[in-house]
Amino acid sequence: MIEDSFISYDEQGRATSFVGTDAVKLYQAAVLVQAIKMAGQGIVATRGFTLNKGLKMASQITGRAYYRTDADLAIRDLKVWIAEMRDALPQVQR
C-alpha cells in the first residue's frame, strides 16, 4: 500500500530510510539487482544465495519468469520496476 510507505531523504538528497511495505520492497529490489550481478560473476553475496534463487526473487517482484540466461533481462526489468516505484512513493525531506 503506497499510502503507508515513503522514502525519507536528508539535506544532501540521500535516502535515509525506507518506511512501509512498498518502500522496503523497493530497497529489497535494489539490493537484489546487485546480488544478481555478483552471482552472475560467481561471487556469493551471502551463503545459500544462488543466481537461480535471485532470479526466482526477481520473478516474484516483476511477475515475469527468468532462466539462468536471463540474468541481464531480470536486472533491466528490476531497474524499471525500481524507477517506477521510486516515482510512485512519497518522498519526505528530513
N, C-alpha and C. Protein backbone atom coordinates (compact mmCIF):
# COMPACT_ATOMS: atom_id res chain seq x y z
N MET A 1 0.84 -1.17 0.00
CA MET A 1 0.00 0.00 0.00
C MET A 1 0.89 1.24 0.00
N ILE A 2 0.93 1.90 -1.10
CA ILE A 2 1.79 3.06 -1.25
C ILE A 2 1.43 4.16 -0.25
N GLU A 3 0.16 4.27 0.12
CA GLU A 3 -0.26 5.33 1.03
C GLU A 3 0.47 5.26 2.38
N ASP A 4 0.86 4.06 2.80
CA ASP A 4 1.51 3.87 4.09
C ASP A 4 3.03 3.89 3.99
N SER A 5 3.57 4.05 2.79
CA SER A 5 5.01 3.95 2.58
C SER A 5 5.57 5.28 2.10
N PHE A 6 6.84 5.52 2.44
CA PHE A 6 7.52 6.71 1.93
C PHE A 6 9.03 6.52 2.05
N ILE A 7 9.76 7.35 1.32
CA ILE A 7 11.23 7.37 1.39
C ILE A 7 11.62 8.68 2.03
N SER A 8 12.47 8.63 3.04
CA SER A 8 12.94 9.82 3.74
C SER A 8 14.32 10.19 3.21
N TYR A 9 14.53 11.48 2.92
CA TYR A 9 15.80 11.98 2.40
C TYR A 9 16.39 13.01 3.35
N ASP A 10 17.74 13.10 3.38
CA ASP A 10 18.39 14.13 4.19
C ASP A 10 18.60 15.38 3.34
N GLU A 11 19.29 16.38 3.90
CA GLU A 11 19.50 17.65 3.22
C GLU A 11 20.33 17.51 1.94
N GLN A 12 21.19 16.50 1.88
CA GLN A 12 22.03 16.28 0.69
C GLN A 12 21.32 15.45 -0.38
N GLY A 13 20.08 15.05 -0.13
CA GLY A 13 19.33 14.28 -1.11
C GLY A 13 19.57 12.78 -1.05
N ARG A 14 20.21 12.31 0.01
CA ARG A 14 20.46 10.87 0.17
C ARG A 14 19.30 10.23 0.91
N ALA A 15 18.89 9.06 0.43
CA ALA A 15 17.81 8.33 1.10
C ALA A 15 18.32 7.87 2.46
N THR A 16 17.58 8.19 3.51
CA THR A 16 17.99 7.81 4.85
C THR A 16 17.14 6.70 5.44
N SER A 17 15.90 6.57 4.96
CA SER A 17 15.07 5.47 5.45
C SER A 17 13.98 5.14 4.45
N PHE A 18 13.61 3.88 4.45
CA PHE A 18 12.54 3.37 3.61
C PHE A 18 11.47 2.85 4.56
N VAL A 19 10.35 3.55 4.63
CA VAL A 19 9.32 3.25 5.63
C VAL A 19 8.09 2.67 4.93
N GLY A 20 7.63 1.54 5.42
CA GLY A 20 6.44 0.90 4.89
C GLY A 20 6.76 -0.26 3.97
N THR A 21 5.76 -1.06 3.70
CA THR A 21 5.93 -2.28 2.93
C THR A 21 6.48 -2.03 1.53
N ASP A 22 5.91 -1.09 0.81
CA ASP A 22 6.35 -0.83 -0.56
C ASP A 22 7.76 -0.23 -0.61
N ALA A 23 8.08 0.63 0.33
CA ALA A 23 9.42 1.23 0.37
C ALA A 23 10.47 0.17 0.69
N VAL A 24 10.15 -0.73 1.59
CA VAL A 24 11.09 -1.81 1.93
C VAL A 24 11.26 -2.74 0.74
N LYS A 25 10.18 -3.02 0.01
CA LYS A 25 10.27 -3.86 -1.18
C LYS A 25 11.13 -3.17 -2.25
N LEU A 26 11.04 -1.86 -2.35
CA LEU A 26 11.89 -1.11 -3.26
C LEU A 26 13.36 -1.28 -2.91
N TYR A 27 13.68 -1.16 -1.63
CA TYR A 27 15.05 -1.34 -1.17
C TYR A 27 15.52 -2.77 -1.43
N GLN A 28 14.65 -3.73 -1.17
CA GLN A 28 14.98 -5.14 -1.42
C GLN A 28 15.30 -5.36 -2.89
N ALA A 29 14.54 -4.76 -3.78
CA ALA A 29 14.78 -4.92 -5.21
C ALA A 29 16.12 -4.32 -5.62
N ALA A 30 16.46 -3.17 -5.03
CA ALA A 30 17.75 -2.54 -5.34
C ALA A 30 18.91 -3.42 -4.89
N VAL A 31 18.80 -4.01 -3.73
CA VAL A 31 19.85 -4.91 -3.24
C VAL A 31 19.89 -6.18 -4.09
N LEU A 32 18.72 -6.66 -4.50
CA LEU A 32 18.65 -7.86 -5.33
C LEU A 32 19.36 -7.66 -6.67
N VAL A 33 19.26 -6.49 -7.25
CA VAL A 33 19.95 -6.20 -8.51
C VAL A 33 21.45 -6.44 -8.33
N GLN A 34 22.02 -5.91 -7.25
CA GLN A 34 23.45 -6.07 -7.01
C GLN A 34 23.81 -7.53 -6.72
N ALA A 35 22.95 -8.23 -5.99
CA ALA A 35 23.22 -9.64 -5.68
C ALA A 35 23.19 -10.50 -6.94
N ILE A 36 22.26 -10.22 -7.85
CA ILE A 36 22.20 -10.97 -9.11
C ILE A 36 23.44 -10.70 -9.94
N LYS A 37 23.88 -9.44 -9.98
CA LYS A 37 25.12 -9.11 -10.70
C LYS A 37 26.29 -9.90 -10.13
N MET A 38 26.40 -9.95 -8.81
CA MET A 38 27.50 -10.66 -8.17
C MET A 38 27.42 -12.16 -8.46
N ALA A 39 26.22 -12.73 -8.33
CA ALA A 39 26.05 -14.17 -8.56
C ALA A 39 26.38 -14.53 -10.00
N GLY A 40 26.05 -13.64 -10.93
CA GLY A 40 26.36 -13.88 -12.33
C GLY A 40 27.87 -13.92 -12.59
N GLN A 41 28.64 -13.29 -11.70
CA GLN A 41 30.10 -13.30 -11.83
C GLN A 41 30.74 -14.37 -10.96
N GLY A 42 29.91 -15.19 -10.32
CA GLY A 42 30.43 -16.26 -9.49
C GLY A 42 30.75 -15.85 -8.06
N ILE A 43 30.37 -14.65 -7.67
CA ILE A 43 30.60 -14.17 -6.31
C ILE A 43 29.35 -14.45 -5.48
N VAL A 44 29.53 -15.04 -4.33
CA VAL A 44 28.40 -15.37 -3.46
C VAL A 44 28.12 -14.18 -2.56
N ALA A 45 26.94 -13.57 -2.73
CA ALA A 45 26.56 -12.41 -1.92
C ALA A 45 26.38 -12.79 -0.45
N THR A 46 25.79 -13.93 -0.23
CA THR A 46 25.59 -14.46 1.11
C THR A 46 25.44 -15.97 0.99
N ARG A 47 25.75 -16.68 2.04
CA ARG A 47 25.70 -18.14 1.98
C ARG A 47 24.30 -18.60 1.60
N GLY A 48 24.24 -19.47 0.62
CA GLY A 48 22.96 -20.01 0.19
C GLY A 48 22.32 -19.24 -0.95
N PHE A 49 22.81 -18.05 -1.25
CA PHE A 49 22.23 -17.28 -2.35
C PHE A 49 22.85 -17.75 -3.65
N THR A 50 22.01 -18.10 -4.60
CA THR A 50 22.47 -18.53 -5.92
C THR A 50 21.80 -17.66 -6.97
N LEU A 51 22.31 -17.72 -8.17
CA LEU A 51 21.71 -16.97 -9.27
C LEU A 51 20.26 -17.40 -9.46
N ASN A 52 20.00 -18.71 -9.39
CA ASN A 52 18.62 -19.19 -9.55
C ASN A 52 17.69 -18.65 -8.48
N LYS A 53 18.16 -18.59 -7.23
CA LYS A 53 17.33 -18.04 -6.16
C LYS A 53 17.07 -16.56 -6.38
N GLY A 54 18.09 -15.85 -6.85
CA GLY A 54 17.93 -14.42 -7.14
C GLY A 54 16.93 -14.18 -8.26
N LEU A 55 16.99 -15.01 -9.28
CA LEU A 55 16.06 -14.86 -10.40
C LEU A 55 14.63 -15.21 -9.98
N LYS A 56 14.50 -16.17 -9.07
CA LYS A 56 13.18 -16.50 -8.55
C LYS A 56 12.61 -15.33 -7.75
N MET A 57 13.47 -14.68 -6.96
CA MET A 57 13.04 -13.50 -6.20
C MET A 57 12.65 -12.37 -7.16
N ALA A 58 13.42 -12.20 -8.22
CA ALA A 58 13.11 -11.17 -9.22
C ALA A 58 11.75 -11.45 -9.86
N SER A 59 11.46 -12.72 -10.12
CA SER A 59 10.17 -13.10 -10.69
C SER A 59 9.02 -12.73 -9.78
N GLN A 60 9.21 -12.87 -8.47
CA GLN A 60 8.16 -12.52 -7.52
C GLN A 60 7.89 -11.02 -7.53
N ILE A 61 8.90 -10.22 -7.84
CA ILE A 61 8.72 -8.77 -7.86
C ILE A 61 8.13 -8.31 -9.19
N THR A 62 8.68 -8.80 -10.30
CA THR A 62 8.27 -8.31 -11.61
C THR A 62 7.10 -9.08 -12.21
N GLY A 63 6.86 -10.31 -11.73
CA GLY A 63 5.79 -11.12 -12.27
C GLY A 63 6.15 -11.82 -13.57
N ARG A 64 7.43 -11.87 -13.88
CA ARG A 64 7.91 -12.49 -15.12
C ARG A 64 8.89 -13.60 -14.78
N ALA A 65 8.83 -14.73 -15.47
CA ALA A 65 9.74 -15.84 -15.20
C ALA A 65 11.09 -15.61 -15.87
N TYR A 66 12.17 -15.98 -15.16
CA TYR A 66 13.52 -15.83 -15.68
C TYR A 66 14.28 -17.15 -15.56
N TYR A 67 15.14 -17.40 -16.53
CA TYR A 67 16.04 -18.55 -16.52
C TYR A 67 17.46 -18.04 -16.30
N ARG A 68 18.40 -18.95 -16.08
CA ARG A 68 19.80 -18.57 -15.82
C ARG A 68 20.35 -17.62 -16.88
N THR A 69 19.94 -17.83 -18.11
CA THR A 69 20.46 -16.99 -19.20
C THR A 69 19.77 -15.62 -19.26
N ASP A 70 18.77 -15.41 -18.42
CA ASP A 70 18.01 -14.15 -18.42
C ASP A 70 18.42 -13.19 -17.32
N ALA A 71 19.59 -13.36 -16.75
CA ALA A 71 20.00 -12.50 -15.63
C ALA A 71 20.02 -11.03 -16.03
N ASP A 72 20.54 -10.71 -17.20
CA ASP A 72 20.58 -9.32 -17.65
C ASP A 72 19.17 -8.76 -17.84
N LEU A 73 18.28 -9.57 -18.38
CA LEU A 73 16.89 -9.15 -18.55
C LEU A 73 16.23 -8.91 -17.20
N ALA A 74 16.49 -9.78 -16.24
CA ALA A 74 15.93 -9.61 -14.90
C ALA A 74 16.43 -8.32 -14.27
N ILE A 75 17.70 -8.02 -14.44
CA ILE A 75 18.26 -6.78 -13.89
C ILE A 75 17.60 -5.57 -14.53
N ARG A 76 17.43 -5.59 -15.86
CA ARG A 76 16.78 -4.46 -16.55
C ARG A 76 15.34 -4.29 -16.07
N ASP A 77 14.61 -5.42 -15.95
CA ASP A 77 13.22 -5.34 -15.50
C ASP A 77 13.13 -4.82 -14.07
N LEU A 78 14.04 -5.27 -13.22
CA LEU A 78 14.05 -4.78 -11.83
C LEU A 78 14.35 -3.29 -11.79
N LYS A 79 15.28 -2.83 -12.60
CA LYS A 79 15.61 -1.40 -12.62
C LYS A 79 14.42 -0.56 -13.07
N VAL A 80 13.66 -1.05 -14.04
CA VAL A 80 12.44 -0.35 -14.47
C VAL A 80 11.43 -0.33 -13.32
N TRP A 81 11.24 -1.47 -12.67
CA TRP A 81 10.31 -1.56 -11.55
C TRP A 81 10.74 -0.60 -10.43
N ILE A 82 12.03 -0.56 -10.14
CA ILE A 82 12.55 0.32 -9.09
C ILE A 82 12.28 1.77 -9.43
N ALA A 83 12.54 2.17 -10.66
CA ALA A 83 12.32 3.56 -11.07
C ALA A 83 10.84 3.94 -10.96
N GLU A 84 9.96 3.04 -11.39
CA GLU A 84 8.53 3.32 -11.31
C GLU A 84 8.06 3.40 -9.86
N MET A 85 8.55 2.49 -9.02
CA MET A 85 8.15 2.51 -7.61
C MET A 85 8.70 3.74 -6.90
N ARG A 86 9.93 4.13 -7.21
CA ARG A 86 10.53 5.31 -6.59
C ARG A 86 9.72 6.56 -6.94
N ASP A 87 9.25 6.64 -8.18
CA ASP A 87 8.43 7.77 -8.60
C ASP A 87 7.05 7.76 -7.93
N ALA A 88 6.53 6.57 -7.65
CA ALA A 88 5.19 6.46 -7.07
C ALA A 88 5.18 6.71 -5.56
N LEU A 89 6.30 6.47 -4.89
CA LEU A 89 6.33 6.63 -3.43
C LEU A 89 6.51 8.09 -3.04
N PRO A 90 5.83 8.53 -1.99
CA PRO A 90 6.05 9.89 -1.48
C PRO A 90 7.47 10.03 -0.97
N GLN A 91 8.03 11.21 -1.16
CA GLN A 91 9.38 11.50 -0.70
C GLN A 91 9.31 12.58 0.37
N VAL A 92 9.91 12.28 1.53
CA VAL A 92 9.85 13.18 2.67
C VAL A 92 11.25 13.72 2.93
N GLN A 93 11.36 15.04 3.04
CA GLN A 93 12.65 15.66 3.35
C GLN A 93 12.76 15.78 4.88
N ARG A 94 13.82 15.24 5.44
CA ARG A 94 14.01 15.29 6.90
C ARG A 94 15.16 16.19 7.26
